[in-house]
Amino acid sequence: MTVQTIPDIDKMTAAQQVELMEALWKSMSERNVNAEPPDWHREYLADRQRAVANGEDSFITLDELEDDLRSELE
């Protein structure tokens, strides 16, 4: 599949959409293997660390997240 032959996404089969996503992901990941994260990532993480240290925020376990998501979907 090439860019010139990509049909309208809504008209693509599920297999074609997956193939397109995989090609995009491969291309993007190969280009960004050694890329530095943007500054806003560091700022966001620093803000989260400060909030947790000040007791303003907390983390939950993966199990808690899954339970929360299941509850929302029911």
Protein backbone atom coordinates (compact mmCIF):
# COMPACT_ATOMS: atom_id res chain seq x y z
CA MET A 1 0.00 0.00 0.00
CA THR A 2 1.40 3.41 -0.91
CA VAL A 3 0.15 6.87 -0.01
CA GLN A 4 -0.99 7.37 -3.57
CA THR A 5 -3.24 4.31 -3.39
CA ILE A 6 -4.73 4.72 0.10
CA PRO A 7 -8.51 4.77 -0.22
CA ASP A 8 -10.78 6.82 2.04
CA ILE A 9 -10.23 5.43 5.54
CA ASP A 10 -13.95 4.85 6.05
CA LYS A 11 -14.01 2.72 2.91
CA MET A 12 -11.01 0.60 3.92
CA THR A 13 -11.44 -2.88 5.32
CA ALA A 14 -10.35 -3.52 8.90
CA ALA A 15 -7.31 -5.41 7.57
CA GLN A 16 -6.33 -2.44 5.39
CA GLN A 17 -6.71 -0.04 8.32
CA VAL A 18 -4.50 -2.25 10.49
CA GLU A 19 -1.92 -2.48 7.71
CA LEU A 20 -1.89 1.31 7.40
CA MET A 21 -1.55 1.78 11.17
CA GLU A 22 1.31 -0.71 11.30
CA ALA A 23 3.13 1.03 8.45
CA LEU A 24 2.69 4.42 10.10
CA TRP A 25 3.81 3.13 13.50
CA LYS A 26 6.88 1.44 12.01
CA SER A 27 7.88 4.58 10.14
CA MET A 28 7.33 6.85 13.12
CA SER A 29 9.09 4.60 15.62
CA GLU A 30 12.13 4.13 13.38
CA ARG A 31 12.50 7.90 13.01
CA ASN A 32 12.04 8.61 16.70
CA VAL A 33 14.10 5.84 18.30
CA ASN A 34 16.67 8.23 19.75
CA ALA A 35 14.56 11.36 19.84
CA GLU A 36 14.49 13.34 23.07
CA PRO A 37 11.07 13.78 24.61
CA PRO A 38 9.65 17.28 24.30
CA ASP A 39 10.12 19.71 27.21
CA TRP A 40 6.43 19.62 28.08
CA HIS A 41 6.80 15.92 28.98
CA ARG A 42 9.41 16.74 31.59
CA GLU A 43 7.35 19.64 32.89
CA TYR A 44 4.24 17.48 33.18
CA LEU A 45 6.11 14.74 35.04
CA ALA A 46 7.72 17.28 37.37
CA ASP A 47 4.28 18.75 38.12
CA ARG A 48 2.93 15.26 38.88
CA GLN A 49 5.87 14.50 41.17
CA ARG A 50 5.31 17.76 43.06
CA ALA A 51 1.58 17.07 43.41
CA VAL A 52 2.22 13.56 44.75
CA ALA A 53 4.90 14.85 47.16
CA ASN A 54 2.48 17.53 48.43
CA GLY A 55 -0.35 15.02 48.88
CA GLU A 56 -2.42 16.72 46.16
CA ASP A 57 -2.43 13.68 43.89
CA SER A 58 -1.77 9.97 44.14
CA PHE A 59 -1.14 6.96 41.99
CA ILE A 60 -3.35 3.90 41.65
CA THR A 61 -2.37 0.37 40.77
CA LEU A 62 -3.07 -1.17 37.40
CA ASP A 63 -5.63 -3.43 39.08
CA GLU A 64 -7.42 -0.38 40.50
CA LEU A 65 -7.42 1.26 37.07
CA GLU A 66 -8.89 -1.86 35.46
CA ASP A 67 -11.59 -2.04 38.17
CA ASP A 68 -12.43 1.64 37.65
CA LEU A 69 -12.67 1.20 33.89
CA ARG A 70 -14.84 -1.91 34.22
CA SER A 71 -17.18 -0.03 36.58
CA GLU A 72 -17.50 2.85 34.11
CA LEU A 73 -18.29 0.47 31.24
CA GLU A 74 -21.02 -1.42 33.10
